[in-house]
Amino acid sequence: MSGRILVVNPNSTAAVTAAIDRALEPLRMIGGPAIECLTLAEGPPGIETQAYVEQVVQPLCRLVRARADAGAFVIACFSDPGLHLCREATERPVLGIAECGLLTALTRGERFGILTILRTSLPRHLRYVRQLGLAERFAGDLPLGLGVVELSDEDRTFARMAEVGARLRDRHGADVLVLGCAGMAQYRGPLEEELQLPVVDPTQAAVTMAIGTVRLGSS
């Protein structure tokens, strides 16, 4: 099995891919699998509706089929677009960041909360939590009111994340938080320090799982 992990940002905003790439730097190590981050050129600027989720499924599948050199794929969007179809398209492991992020949260606390970009994301996330059978451990999902592109405004974004995260902690009983968008990666450490709660970046969680899968598969 190839040791390369391919992390695909399904939106076309290169700044989001760059932020993901920086957040994954601690997971790059001598002797470990290479981690390559790509932007899906066919994607919208941000995946903020169900229509956008459906739009990127086929381009993602084509990319997965074309990259036979990859040992594992990570779909870096919290809607996990095309996850099951991509798994049918390759024999390599395909990981979705939402699934991995939520499962990781179960190891860090009793009740998890999700920080979402927009209110329109809530129905997708709530359906997914139920589909994964995690409703009993779910504290809540609250929107920041910021789109994917707006997350690059660091001061505004962090202030909103701290406010919404505190509400999930204090009013909803969350003892671990999950960042509900790959574009939030750079804020994980500061937010964890600010709120004094474990904060899971789902892309880091998925790539961590991919590293283990690739290493064990190649041993």
N, C-alpha and C. Protein backbone atom coordinates (compact mmCIF):
# COMPACT_ATOMS: atom_id res chain seq x y z
N MET A 1 0.84 -1.20 0.00
CA MET A 1 0.00 0.00 0.00
C MET A 1 0.88 1.25 0.00
N SER A 2 0.51 2.23 -0.86
CA SER A 2 1.23 3.50 -0.87
C SER A 2 1.09 4.19 0.48
N GLY A 3 2.13 4.92 0.87
CA GLY A 3 2.09 5.61 2.14
C GLY A 3 1.55 7.01 2.08
N ARG A 4 1.03 7.44 0.94
CA ARG A 4 0.57 8.83 0.78
C ARG A 4 -0.89 8.95 1.21
N ILE A 5 -1.16 9.94 2.07
CA ILE A 5 -2.53 10.26 2.47
C ILE A 5 -2.96 11.50 1.70
N LEU A 6 -4.04 11.39 0.95
CA LEU A 6 -4.52 12.49 0.13
C LEU A 6 -5.71 13.13 0.84
N VAL A 7 -5.54 14.39 1.23
CA VAL A 7 -6.59 15.15 1.93
C VAL A 7 -7.21 16.11 0.93
N VAL A 8 -8.50 15.92 0.64
CA VAL A 8 -9.16 16.69 -0.41
C VAL A 8 -10.13 17.69 0.20
N ASN A 9 -9.89 18.97 -0.06
CA ASN A 9 -10.84 20.02 0.30
C ASN A 9 -11.85 20.12 -0.84
N PRO A 10 -13.12 19.76 -0.63
CA PRO A 10 -14.07 19.74 -1.74
C PRO A 10 -14.57 21.12 -2.17
N ASN A 11 -14.20 22.18 -1.45
CA ASN A 11 -14.55 23.50 -1.97
C ASN A 11 -13.34 24.09 -2.69
N SER A 12 -13.59 25.14 -3.43
CA SER A 12 -12.54 25.69 -4.31
C SER A 12 -11.75 26.82 -3.68
N THR A 13 -11.90 27.03 -2.37
CA THR A 13 -11.21 28.12 -1.69
C THR A 13 -9.82 27.65 -1.26
N ALA A 14 -8.80 28.10 -1.97
CA ALA A 14 -7.44 27.63 -1.71
C ALA A 14 -6.96 28.01 -0.32
N ALA A 15 -7.47 29.12 0.23
CA ALA A 15 -7.06 29.52 1.57
C ALA A 15 -7.48 28.50 2.62
N VAL A 16 -8.61 27.85 2.40
CA VAL A 16 -9.06 26.80 3.32
C VAL A 16 -8.10 25.61 3.24
N THR A 17 -7.71 25.24 2.03
CA THR A 17 -6.76 24.14 1.86
C THR A 17 -5.43 24.46 2.54
N ALA A 18 -4.98 25.72 2.40
CA ALA A 18 -3.72 26.11 3.03
C ALA A 18 -3.82 26.02 4.55
N ALA A 19 -4.97 26.42 5.11
CA ALA A 19 -5.16 26.34 6.56
C ALA A 19 -5.18 24.89 7.03
N ILE A 20 -5.81 24.02 6.25
CA ILE A 20 -5.82 22.59 6.57
C ILE A 20 -4.40 22.05 6.55
N ASP A 21 -3.65 22.42 5.53
CA ASP A 21 -2.28 21.94 5.38
C ASP A 21 -1.43 22.34 6.59
N ARG A 22 -1.58 23.58 7.05
CA ARG A 22 -0.82 24.05 8.23
C ARG A 22 -1.24 23.28 9.48
N ALA A 23 -2.54 23.02 9.61
CA ALA A 23 -3.02 22.31 10.80
C ALA A 23 -2.54 20.87 10.86
N LEU A 24 -2.18 20.32 9.72
CA LEU A 24 -1.72 18.92 9.67
C LEU A 24 -0.22 18.80 9.84
N GLU A 25 0.49 19.92 9.94
CA GLU A 25 1.95 19.87 10.03
C GLU A 25 2.43 19.02 11.22
N PRO A 26 1.80 19.10 12.41
CA PRO A 26 2.28 18.26 13.51
C PRO A 26 2.18 16.76 13.25
N LEU A 27 1.37 16.37 12.26
CA LEU A 27 1.19 14.95 11.96
C LEU A 27 2.18 14.44 10.91
N ARG A 28 2.98 15.34 10.37
CA ARG A 28 4.02 14.93 9.43
C ARG A 28 5.28 14.57 10.22
N MET A 29 5.81 13.39 9.96
CA MET A 29 6.95 12.92 10.75
C MET A 29 7.86 12.08 9.88
N ILE A 30 9.11 12.02 10.29
CA ILE A 30 10.09 11.19 9.58
C ILE A 30 9.64 9.74 9.66
N GLY A 31 9.59 9.10 8.51
CA GLY A 31 9.18 7.70 8.46
C GLY A 31 7.68 7.50 8.37
N GLY A 32 6.92 8.60 8.54
CA GLY A 32 5.47 8.50 8.46
C GLY A 32 4.99 8.71 7.03
N PRO A 33 3.72 8.47 6.78
CA PRO A 33 3.19 8.66 5.43
C PRO A 33 3.18 10.13 5.02
N ALA A 34 3.41 10.39 3.76
CA ALA A 34 3.29 11.75 3.24
C ALA A 34 1.83 12.18 3.30
N ILE A 35 1.61 13.46 3.58
CA ILE A 35 0.25 14.02 3.65
C ILE A 35 0.16 15.12 2.61
N GLU A 36 -0.68 14.91 1.61
CA GLU A 36 -0.84 15.86 0.51
C GLU A 36 -2.24 16.46 0.56
N CYS A 37 -2.34 17.78 0.53
CA CYS A 37 -3.63 18.47 0.56
C CYS A 37 -3.95 19.04 -0.81
N LEU A 38 -5.16 18.79 -1.28
CA LEU A 38 -5.60 19.24 -2.59
C LEU A 38 -6.88 20.04 -2.50
N THR A 39 -7.07 20.97 -3.42
CA THR A 39 -8.31 21.72 -3.55
C THR A 39 -9.09 21.17 -4.74
N LEU A 40 -10.37 20.90 -4.56
CA LEU A 40 -11.20 20.43 -5.66
C LEU A 40 -11.64 21.64 -6.48
N ALA A 41 -11.02 21.80 -7.64
CA ALA A 41 -11.26 23.00 -8.46
C ALA A 41 -12.72 23.13 -8.87
N GLU A 42 -13.42 22.00 -9.04
CA GLU A 42 -14.82 22.04 -9.48
C GLU A 42 -15.79 22.44 -8.37
N GLY A 43 -15.31 22.51 -7.13
CA GLY A 43 -16.20 22.76 -6.01
C GLY A 43 -16.61 24.21 -5.90
N PRO A 44 -17.67 24.49 -5.12
CA PRO A 44 -18.08 25.87 -4.84
C PRO A 44 -17.12 26.51 -3.85
N PRO A 45 -17.20 27.84 -3.64
CA PRO A 45 -16.29 28.48 -2.67
C PRO A 45 -16.43 27.93 -1.25
N GLY A 46 -17.63 27.50 -0.92
CA GLY A 46 -17.86 26.87 0.38
C GLY A 46 -19.04 25.92 0.25
N ILE A 47 -19.00 24.80 0.97
CA ILE A 47 -20.10 23.83 0.90
C ILE A 47 -21.05 24.15 2.05
N GLU A 48 -22.09 24.93 1.72
CA GLU A 48 -22.96 25.50 2.74
C GLU A 48 -24.42 25.06 2.59
N THR A 49 -24.74 24.29 1.55
CA THR A 49 -26.10 23.81 1.33
C THR A 49 -26.04 22.36 0.87
N GLN A 50 -27.19 21.68 0.91
CA GLN A 50 -27.26 20.31 0.42
C GLN A 50 -26.97 20.25 -1.07
N ALA A 51 -27.39 21.28 -1.80
CA ALA A 51 -27.11 21.31 -3.24
C ALA A 51 -25.61 21.30 -3.50
N TYR A 52 -24.85 22.05 -2.71
CA TYR A 52 -23.39 22.06 -2.87
C TYR A 52 -22.80 20.69 -2.51
N VAL A 53 -23.36 20.06 -1.49
CA VAL A 53 -22.89 18.71 -1.12
C VAL A 53 -23.03 17.77 -2.31
N GLU A 54 -24.21 17.77 -2.92
CA GLU A 54 -24.45 16.87 -4.05
C GLU A 54 -23.58 17.22 -5.25
N GLN A 55 -23.30 18.52 -5.42
CA GLN A 55 -22.53 18.98 -6.59
C GLN A 55 -21.12 18.40 -6.64
N VAL A 56 -20.51 18.16 -5.49
CA VAL A 56 -19.10 17.74 -5.47
C VAL A 56 -18.92 16.23 -5.43
N VAL A 57 -20.00 15.47 -5.34
CA VAL A 57 -19.87 14.02 -5.17
C VAL A 57 -19.17 13.38 -6.36
N GLN A 58 -19.63 13.63 -7.57
CA GLN A 58 -19.02 13.00 -8.74
C GLN A 58 -17.58 13.46 -8.98
N PRO A 59 -17.28 14.78 -8.87
CA PRO A 59 -15.87 15.19 -8.99
C PRO A 59 -14.96 14.51 -7.96
N LEU A 60 -15.45 14.33 -6.75
CA LEU A 60 -14.66 13.63 -5.73
C LEU A 60 -14.40 12.19 -6.14
N CYS A 61 -15.42 11.52 -6.65
CA CYS A 61 -15.25 10.13 -7.08
C CYS A 61 -14.25 10.03 -8.22
N ARG A 62 -14.30 10.97 -9.16
CA ARG A 62 -13.34 10.95 -10.27
C ARG A 62 -11.93 11.13 -9.77
N LEU A 63 -11.76 12.02 -8.79
CA LEU A 63 -10.43 12.25 -8.23
C LEU A 63 -9.91 11.00 -7.53
N VAL A 64 -10.77 10.36 -6.75
CA VAL A 64 -10.37 9.14 -6.03
C VAL A 64 -9.95 8.06 -7.02
N ARG A 65 -10.71 7.90 -8.09
CA ARG A 65 -10.36 6.87 -9.08
C ARG A 65 -9.03 7.19 -9.76
N ALA A 66 -8.76 8.50 -9.95
CA ALA A 66 -7.56 8.90 -10.70
C ALA A 66 -6.28 8.80 -9.86
N ARG A 67 -6.41 8.79 -8.53
CA ARG A 67 -5.22 8.83 -7.68
C ARG A 67 -4.93 7.45 -7.09
N ALA A 68 -4.53 6.54 -7.95
CA ALA A 68 -4.20 5.19 -7.50
C ALA A 68 -2.94 5.17 -6.64
N ASP A 69 -2.19 6.30 -6.62
CA ASP A 69 -0.95 6.35 -5.83
C ASP A 69 -1.22 6.58 -4.35
N ALA A 70 -2.47 6.92 -3.98
CA ALA A 70 -2.77 7.23 -2.59
C ALA A 70 -2.99 5.96 -1.78
N GLY A 71 -2.53 5.99 -0.53
CA GLY A 71 -2.78 4.88 0.38
C GLY A 71 -4.06 5.04 1.14
N ALA A 72 -4.53 6.29 1.26
CA ALA A 72 -5.79 6.59 1.94
C ALA A 72 -6.25 7.98 1.51
N PHE A 73 -7.56 8.19 1.57
CA PHE A 73 -8.15 9.47 1.21
C PHE A 73 -8.90 10.03 2.42
N VAL A 74 -8.83 11.35 2.58
CA VAL A 74 -9.61 12.04 3.60
C VAL A 74 -10.43 13.12 2.90
N ILE A 75 -11.75 13.08 3.07
CA ILE A 75 -12.64 14.10 2.51
C ILE A 75 -12.80 15.18 3.56
N ALA A 76 -12.20 16.34 3.30
CA ALA A 76 -12.10 17.40 4.31
C ALA A 76 -13.25 18.39 4.20
N CYS A 77 -14.45 17.89 4.46
CA CYS A 77 -15.65 18.72 4.55
C CYS A 77 -16.55 18.07 5.58
N PHE A 78 -17.13 18.86 6.47
CA PHE A 78 -17.87 18.30 7.59
C PHE A 78 -19.20 17.66 7.18
N SER A 79 -19.60 17.82 5.92
CA SER A 79 -20.79 17.11 5.43
C SER A 79 -20.45 15.71 4.92
N ASP A 80 -19.15 15.36 4.90
CA ASP A 80 -18.70 14.07 4.37
C ASP A 80 -19.31 13.78 2.99
N PRO A 81 -19.23 14.72 2.05
CA PRO A 81 -19.88 14.52 0.75
C PRO A 81 -19.26 13.34 -0.01
N GLY A 82 -20.13 12.52 -0.57
CA GLY A 82 -19.67 11.42 -1.41
C GLY A 82 -18.91 10.33 -0.69
N LEU A 83 -18.98 10.28 0.63
CA LEU A 83 -18.14 9.35 1.39
C LEU A 83 -18.38 7.90 0.96
N HIS A 84 -19.62 7.48 0.91
CA HIS A 84 -19.89 6.07 0.63
C HIS A 84 -19.67 5.75 -0.84
N LEU A 85 -19.97 6.69 -1.73
CA LEU A 85 -19.72 6.46 -3.15
C LEU A 85 -18.22 6.37 -3.43
N CYS A 86 -17.44 7.23 -2.75
CA CYS A 86 -15.98 7.18 -2.92
C CYS A 86 -15.42 5.86 -2.38
N ARG A 87 -16.01 5.35 -1.33
CA ARG A 87 -15.55 4.06 -0.80
C ARG A 87 -15.80 2.94 -1.79
N GLU A 88 -16.86 3.06 -2.58
CA GLU A 88 -17.12 2.07 -3.63
C GLU A 88 -16.16 2.23 -4.80
N ALA A 89 -15.58 3.43 -4.95
CA ALA A 89 -14.76 3.73 -6.13
C ALA A 89 -13.30 3.30 -5.97
N THR A 90 -12.89 2.90 -4.77
CA THR A 90 -11.50 2.55 -4.53
C THR A 90 -11.40 1.46 -3.48
N GLU A 91 -10.30 0.71 -3.54
CA GLU A 91 -10.03 -0.26 -2.48
C GLU A 91 -9.28 0.36 -1.32
N ARG A 92 -8.84 1.61 -1.50
CA ARG A 92 -8.13 2.31 -0.43
C ARG A 92 -9.12 2.81 0.63
N PRO A 93 -8.68 3.00 1.86
CA PRO A 93 -9.55 3.57 2.87
C PRO A 93 -9.94 5.01 2.51
N VAL A 94 -11.20 5.34 2.71
CA VAL A 94 -11.70 6.71 2.53
C VAL A 94 -12.34 7.14 3.84
N LEU A 95 -11.83 8.23 4.41
CA LEU A 95 -12.33 8.70 5.70
C LEU A 95 -12.99 10.07 5.53
N GLY A 96 -14.13 10.25 6.20
CA GLY A 96 -14.81 11.53 6.23
C GLY A 96 -14.52 12.23 7.53
N ILE A 97 -14.29 13.54 7.47
CA ILE A 97 -13.85 14.21 8.69
C ILE A 97 -14.96 14.31 9.74
N ALA A 98 -16.22 14.40 9.31
CA ALA A 98 -17.29 14.48 10.30
C ALA A 98 -17.38 13.19 11.10
N GLU A 99 -17.42 12.07 10.39
CA GLU A 99 -17.48 10.77 11.06
C GLU A 99 -16.31 10.59 12.02
N CYS A 100 -15.11 10.89 11.55
CA CYS A 100 -13.91 10.72 12.39
C CYS A 100 -13.90 11.71 13.55
N GLY A 101 -14.30 12.95 13.29
CA GLY A 101 -14.30 13.95 14.35
C GLY A 101 -15.28 13.62 15.47
N LEU A 102 -16.48 13.17 15.09
CA LEU A 102 -17.47 12.83 16.11
C LEU A 102 -17.06 11.59 16.90
N LEU A 103 -16.50 10.61 16.21
CA LEU A 103 -16.06 9.41 16.93
C LEU A 103 -14.89 9.72 17.87
N THR A 104 -14.01 10.61 17.44
CA THR A 104 -12.91 11.03 18.32
C THR A 104 -13.44 11.77 19.55
N ALA A 105 -14.46 12.58 19.35
CA ALA A 105 -15.04 13.33 20.47
C ALA A 105 -15.56 12.40 21.56
N LEU A 106 -16.05 11.22 21.17
CA LEU A 106 -16.56 10.27 22.17
C LEU A 106 -15.46 9.79 23.11
N THR A 107 -14.21 9.88 22.67
CA THR A 107 -13.09 9.45 23.52
C THR A 107 -12.59 10.57 24.41
N ARG A 108 -13.09 11.80 24.21
CA ARG A 108 -12.58 12.95 24.95
C ARG A 108 -13.59 13.53 25.94
N GLY A 109 -14.84 13.10 25.86
CA GLY A 109 -15.85 13.64 26.76
C GLY A 109 -17.11 12.80 26.71
N GLU A 110 -18.08 13.16 27.53
CA GLU A 110 -19.33 12.41 27.62
C GLU A 110 -20.38 12.94 26.65
N ARG A 111 -20.40 14.29 26.47
CA ARG A 111 -21.40 14.90 25.59
C ARG A 111 -20.69 15.92 24.69
N PHE A 112 -20.85 15.75 23.39
CA PHE A 112 -20.16 16.62 22.44
C PHE A 112 -21.09 17.68 21.87
N GLY A 113 -20.52 18.84 21.62
CA GLY A 113 -21.22 19.91 20.92
C GLY A 113 -20.48 20.24 19.64
N ILE A 114 -21.22 20.75 18.66
CA ILE A 114 -20.65 21.08 17.35
C ILE A 114 -20.77 22.58 17.10
N LEU A 115 -19.69 23.20 16.66
CA LEU A 115 -19.71 24.59 16.23
C LEU A 115 -19.88 24.61 14.71
N THR A 116 -21.01 25.12 14.26
CA THR A 116 -21.39 25.09 12.85
C THR A 116 -21.19 26.47 12.23
N ILE A 117 -20.96 26.52 10.92
CA ILE A 117 -20.79 27.83 10.28
C ILE A 117 -22.11 28.58 10.17
N LEU A 118 -23.12 27.96 9.57
CA LEU A 118 -24.38 28.63 9.28
C LEU A 118 -25.57 27.80 9.76
N ARG A 119 -26.69 28.46 9.99
CA ARG A 119 -27.90 27.74 10.41
C ARG A 119 -28.34 26.71 9.38
N THR A 120 -28.08 26.97 8.10
CA THR A 120 -28.48 26.03 7.06
C THR A 120 -27.76 24.69 7.16
N SER A 121 -26.65 24.66 7.91
CA SER A 121 -25.90 23.41 8.08
C SER A 121 -26.54 22.49 9.12
N LEU A 122 -27.38 23.04 9.98
CA LEU A 122 -27.90 22.28 11.11
C LEU A 122 -28.65 21.01 10.70
N PRO A 123 -29.58 21.08 9.74
CA PRO A 123 -30.32 19.84 9.40
C PRO A 123 -29.40 18.72 8.93
N ARG A 124 -28.37 19.04 8.14
CA ARG A 124 -27.45 18.00 7.68
C ARG A 124 -26.71 17.37 8.85
N HIS A 125 -26.23 18.21 9.76
CA HIS A 125 -25.48 17.69 10.89
C HIS A 125 -26.37 16.85 11.81
N LEU A 126 -27.59 17.31 12.05
CA LEU A 126 -28.49 16.58 12.95
C LEU A 126 -28.85 15.22 12.35
N ARG A 127 -29.08 15.18 11.03
CA ARG A 127 -29.35 13.89 10.38
C ARG A 127 -28.17 12.95 10.55
N TYR A 128 -26.98 13.48 10.39
CA TYR A 128 -25.78 12.65 10.44
C TYR A 128 -25.55 12.10 11.85
N VAL A 129 -25.76 12.94 12.85
CA VAL A 129 -25.62 12.48 14.24
C VAL A 129 -26.57 11.32 14.51
N ARG A 130 -27.81 11.44 14.02
CA ARG A 130 -28.78 10.35 14.21
C ARG A 130 -28.36 9.11 13.44
N GLN A 131 -27.91 9.28 12.19
CA GLN A 131 -27.50 8.14 11.37
C GLN A 131 -26.35 7.37 12.00
N LEU A 132 -25.45 8.09 12.67
CA LEU A 132 -24.31 7.45 13.32
C LEU A 132 -24.68 6.85 14.69
N GLY A 133 -25.91 7.06 15.12
CA GLY A 133 -26.36 6.51 16.39
C GLY A 133 -25.78 7.21 17.61
N LEU A 134 -25.50 8.50 17.48
CA LEU A 134 -24.82 9.23 18.55
C LEU A 134 -25.72 10.22 19.28
N ALA A 135 -27.03 10.15 19.07
CA ALA A 135 -27.93 11.16 19.62
C ALA A 135 -27.86 11.26 21.14
N GLU A 136 -27.64 10.13 21.81
CA GLU A 136 -27.63 10.15 23.27
C GLU A 136 -26.41 10.87 23.84
N ARG A 137 -25.37 11.01 23.04
CA ARG A 137 -24.14 11.69 23.51
C ARG A 137 -24.04 13.12 22.96
N PHE A 138 -25.08 13.59 22.29
CA PHE A 138 -25.07 14.86 21.56
C PHE A 138 -25.64 15.97 22.44
N ALA A 139 -24.82 17.01 22.67
CA ALA A 139 -25.26 18.13 23.50
C ALA A 139 -25.95 19.22 22.69
N GLY A 140 -25.48 19.47 21.47
CA GLY A 140 -26.08 20.51 20.66
C GLY A 140 -25.19 20.93 19.52
N ASP A 141 -25.77 21.70 18.61
CA ASP A 141 -25.07 22.19 17.42
C ASP A 141 -25.52 23.63 17.22
N LEU A 142 -24.59 24.58 17.34
CA LEU A 142 -24.94 26.00 17.26
C LEU A 142 -24.14 26.68 16.15
N PRO A 143 -24.79 27.57 15.39
CA PRO A 143 -24.12 28.24 14.27
C PRO A 143 -23.36 29.49 14.69
N LEU A 144 -22.26 29.75 13.98
CA LEU A 144 -21.51 31.00 14.18
C LEU A 144 -22.15 32.14 13.41
N GLY A 145 -22.88 31.83 12.34
CA GLY A 145 -23.41 32.86 11.48
C GLY A 145 -22.37 33.41 10.51
N LEU A 146 -21.35 32.60 10.22
CA LEU A 146 -20.28 32.99 9.30
C LEU A 146 -20.14 31.93 8.22
N GLY A 147 -19.98 32.36 6.97
CA GLY A 147 -19.74 31.44 5.88
C GLY A 147 -18.30 30.98 5.84
N VAL A 148 -18.01 30.02 4.98
CA VAL A 148 -16.67 29.45 4.89
C VAL A 148 -15.63 30.52 4.57
N VAL A 149 -15.91 31.37 3.61
CA VAL A 149 -14.95 32.40 3.21
C VAL A 149 -14.72 33.40 4.34
N GLU A 150 -15.77 33.67 5.14
CA GLU A 150 -15.65 34.64 6.24
C GLU A 150 -14.78 34.14 7.38
N LEU A 151 -14.51 32.85 7.43
CA LEU A 151 -13.70 32.31 8.52
C LEU A 151 -12.27 32.82 8.51
N SER A 152 -11.85 33.43 7.39
CA SER A 152 -10.48 33.97 7.33
C SER A 152 -10.31 35.24 8.13
N ASP A 153 -11.42 35.86 8.57
CA ASP A 153 -11.36 37.03 9.45
C ASP A 153 -11.10 36.52 10.86
N GLU A 154 -9.85 36.48 11.26
CA GLU A 154 -9.45 35.76 12.47
C GLU A 154 -10.07 36.32 13.74
N ASP A 155 -10.03 37.63 13.92
CA ASP A 155 -10.55 38.21 15.16
C ASP A 155 -12.05 37.97 15.30
N ARG A 156 -12.78 38.23 14.22
CA ARG A 156 -14.23 38.05 14.26
C ARG A 156 -14.60 36.59 14.46
N THR A 157 -13.91 35.70 13.74
CA THR A 157 -14.22 34.28 13.84
C THR A 157 -13.94 33.74 15.23
N PHE A 158 -12.77 34.08 15.79
CA PHE A 158 -12.45 33.53 17.10
C PHE A 158 -13.41 34.06 18.17
N ALA A 159 -13.79 35.32 18.07
CA ALA A 159 -14.74 35.88 19.05
C ALA A 159 -16.06 35.12 19.00
N ARG A 160 -16.55 34.84 17.80
CA ARG A 160 -17.80 34.10 17.66
C ARG A 160 -17.64 32.66 18.15
N MET A 161 -16.51 32.04 17.84
CA MET A 161 -16.30 30.66 18.27
C MET A 161 -16.25 30.57 19.80
N ALA A 162 -15.59 31.53 20.42
CA ALA A 162 -15.50 31.52 21.87
C ALA A 162 -16.88 31.73 22.50
N GLU A 163 -17.68 32.62 21.91
CA GLU A 163 -19.02 32.88 22.42
C GLU A 163 -19.93 31.67 22.27
N VAL A 164 -19.94 31.09 21.09
CA VAL A 164 -20.81 29.94 20.82
C VAL A 164 -20.33 28.71 21.58
N GLY A 165 -19.01 28.52 21.66
CA GLY A 165 -18.47 27.39 22.41
C GLY A 165 -18.82 27.47 23.89
N ALA A 166 -18.77 28.67 24.45
CA ALA A 166 -19.13 28.85 25.86
C ALA A 166 -20.60 28.53 26.08
N ARG A 167 -21.43 28.88 25.11
CA ARG A 167 -22.86 28.58 25.22
C ARG A 167 -23.10 27.07 25.19
N LEU A 168 -22.39 26.37 24.31
CA LEU A 168 -22.52 24.91 24.26
C LEU A 168 -22.07 24.28 25.57
N ARG A 169 -21.02 24.83 26.15
CA ARG A 169 -20.49 24.31 27.43
C ARG A 169 -21.44 24.62 28.58
N ASP A 170 -21.87 25.86 28.70
CA ASP A 170 -22.57 26.32 29.90
C ASP A 170 -24.07 26.06 29.87
N ARG A 171 -24.67 26.12 28.68
CA ARG A 171 -26.13 25.96 28.59
C ARG A 171 -26.56 24.59 28.08
N HIS A 172 -25.69 23.93 27.32
CA HIS A 172 -26.07 22.65 26.72
C HIS A 172 -25.32 21.47 27.33
N GLY A 173 -24.37 21.73 28.20
CA GLY A 173 -23.68 20.65 28.89
C GLY A 173 -22.62 19.92 28.09
N ALA A 174 -22.10 20.55 27.03
CA ALA A 174 -21.03 19.91 26.24
C ALA A 174 -19.73 19.93 27.03
N ASP A 175 -19.05 18.79 27.08
CA ASP A 175 -17.74 18.75 27.72
C ASP A 175 -16.63 18.46 26.73
N VAL A 176 -16.96 18.42 25.44
CA VAL A 176 -16.00 18.35 24.35
C VAL A 176 -16.66 19.00 23.14
N LEU A 177 -15.88 19.75 22.36
CA LEU A 177 -16.41 20.46 21.20
C LEU A 177 -15.78 19.93 19.92
N VAL A 178 -16.57 19.91 18.86
CA VAL A 178 -16.09 19.50 17.55
C VAL A 178 -16.26 20.68 16.59
N LEU A 179 -15.20 21.02 15.88
CA LEU A 179 -15.26 22.10 14.90
C LEU A 179 -16.02 21.60 13.67
N GLY A 180 -17.11 22.28 13.31
CA GLY A 180 -18.00 21.79 12.27
C GLY A 180 -17.67 22.25 10.88
N CYS A 181 -16.41 22.56 10.62
CA CYS A 181 -15.98 22.97 9.28
C CYS A 181 -14.47 22.82 9.20
N ALA A 182 -13.98 22.30 8.08
CA ALA A 182 -12.53 22.14 7.91
C ALA A 182 -11.81 23.49 7.93
N GLY A 183 -12.52 24.56 7.60
CA GLY A 183 -11.91 25.89 7.59
C GLY A 183 -11.65 26.47 8.96
N MET A 184 -12.04 25.78 10.02
CA MET A 184 -11.83 26.26 11.38
C MET A 184 -10.54 25.73 12.01
N ALA A 185 -9.77 24.95 11.27
CA ALA A 185 -8.65 24.20 11.84
C ALA A 185 -7.70 25.05 12.66
N GLN A 186 -7.38 26.25 12.20
CA GLN A 186 -6.37 27.07 12.87
C GLN A 186 -6.79 27.54 14.25
N TYR A 187 -8.09 27.45 14.55
CA TYR A 187 -8.59 27.97 15.82
C TYR A 187 -8.68 26.93 16.92
N ARG A 188 -8.37 25.68 16.64
CA ARG A 188 -8.56 24.62 17.62
C ARG A 188 -7.79 24.86 18.91
N GLY A 189 -6.47 25.08 18.80
CA GLY A 189 -5.65 25.26 19.99
C GLY A 189 -6.06 26.46 20.82
N PRO A 190 -6.17 27.66 20.23
CA PRO A 190 -6.59 28.83 21.01
C PRO A 190 -7.97 28.65 21.65
N LEU A 191 -8.90 28.00 20.94
CA LEU A 191 -10.25 27.81 21.49
C LEU A 191 -10.22 26.85 22.67
N GLU A 192 -9.42 25.80 22.57
CA GLU A 192 -9.29 24.86 23.67
C GLU A 192 -8.75 25.56 24.91
N GLU A 193 -7.77 26.43 24.72
CA GLU A 193 -7.20 27.18 25.84
C GLU A 193 -8.21 28.16 26.42
N GLU A 194 -8.95 28.82 25.54
CA GLU A 194 -9.94 29.82 25.98
C GLU A 194 -11.06 29.19 26.79
N LEU A 195 -11.57 28.06 26.34
CA LEU A 195 -12.76 27.46 26.96
C LEU A 195 -12.43 26.39 27.99
N GLN A 196 -11.16 25.95 28.02
CA GLN A 196 -10.74 24.90 28.95
C GLN A 196 -11.56 23.62 28.76
N LEU A 197 -11.77 23.30 27.48
CA LEU A 197 -12.44 22.06 27.09
C LEU A 197 -11.64 21.41 25.96
N PRO A 198 -11.70 20.09 25.83
CA PRO A 198 -11.11 19.48 24.63
C PRO A 198 -11.84 19.96 23.39
N VAL A 199 -11.09 20.31 22.36
CA VAL A 199 -11.66 20.73 21.08
C VAL A 199 -11.07 19.83 20.00
N VAL A 200 -11.93 19.21 19.22
CA VAL A 200 -11.51 18.28 18.18
C VAL A 200 -11.58 18.97 16.83
N ASP A 201 -10.45 19.04 16.13
CA ASP A 201 -10.47 19.43 14.73
C ASP A 201 -10.70 18.16 13.93
N PRO A 202 -11.79 18.06 13.17
CA PRO A 202 -12.12 16.79 12.54
C PRO A 202 -11.13 16.35 11.46
N THR A 203 -10.47 17.31 10.80
CA THR A 203 -9.50 16.91 9.78
C THR A 203 -8.27 16.30 10.44
N GLN A 204 -7.81 16.88 11.52
CA GLN A 204 -6.71 16.28 12.27
C GLN A 204 -7.10 14.89 12.76
N ALA A 205 -8.34 14.74 13.23
CA ALA A 205 -8.81 13.44 13.72
C ALA A 205 -8.80 12.41 12.59
N ALA A 206 -9.30 12.80 11.41
CA ALA A 206 -9.38 11.86 10.28
C ALA A 206 -7.98 11.47 9.79
N VAL A 207 -7.09 12.44 9.70
CA VAL A 207 -5.74 12.14 9.22
C VAL A 207 -4.99 11.27 10.24
N THR A 208 -5.21 11.51 11.51
CA THR A 208 -4.61 10.66 12.53
C THR A 208 -5.05 9.20 12.35
N MET A 209 -6.34 9.00 12.10
CA MET A 209 -6.84 7.65 11.84
C MET A 209 -6.25 7.09 10.56
N ALA A 210 -6.12 7.94 9.53
CA ALA A 210 -5.56 7.48 8.26
C ALA A 210 -4.12 7.04 8.42
N ILE A 211 -3.36 7.77 9.22
CA ILE A 211 -1.95 7.40 9.46
C ILE A 211 -1.89 6.00 10.06
N GLY A 212 -2.71 5.74 11.07
CA GLY A 212 -2.72 4.41 11.68
C GLY A 212 -3.12 3.34 10.68
N THR A 213 -4.12 3.63 9.86
CA THR A 213 -4.58 2.65 8.87
C THR A 213 -3.49 2.35 7.85
N VAL A 214 -2.83 3.39 7.36
CA VAL A 214 -1.77 3.20 6.37
C VAL A 214 -0.58 2.46 6.98
N ARG A 215 -0.18 2.86 8.18
CA ARG A 215 0.99 2.23 8.81
C ARG A 215 0.72 0.76 9.09
N LEU A 216 -0.45 0.44 9.61
CA LEU A 216 -0.76 -0.96 9.92
C LEU A 216 -0.95 -1.77 8.64
N GLY A 217 -1.48 -1.12 7.60
CA GLY A 217 -1.67 -1.82 6.35
C GLY A 217 -0.39 -2.13 5.61
N SER A 218 0.67 -1.33 5.91
CA SER A 218 1.93 -1.52 5.19
C SER A 218 2.96 -2.30 6.01
N SER A 219 2.56 -2.74 7.21
CA SER A 219 3.52 -3.43 8.09
C SER A 219 3.62 -4.91 7.73
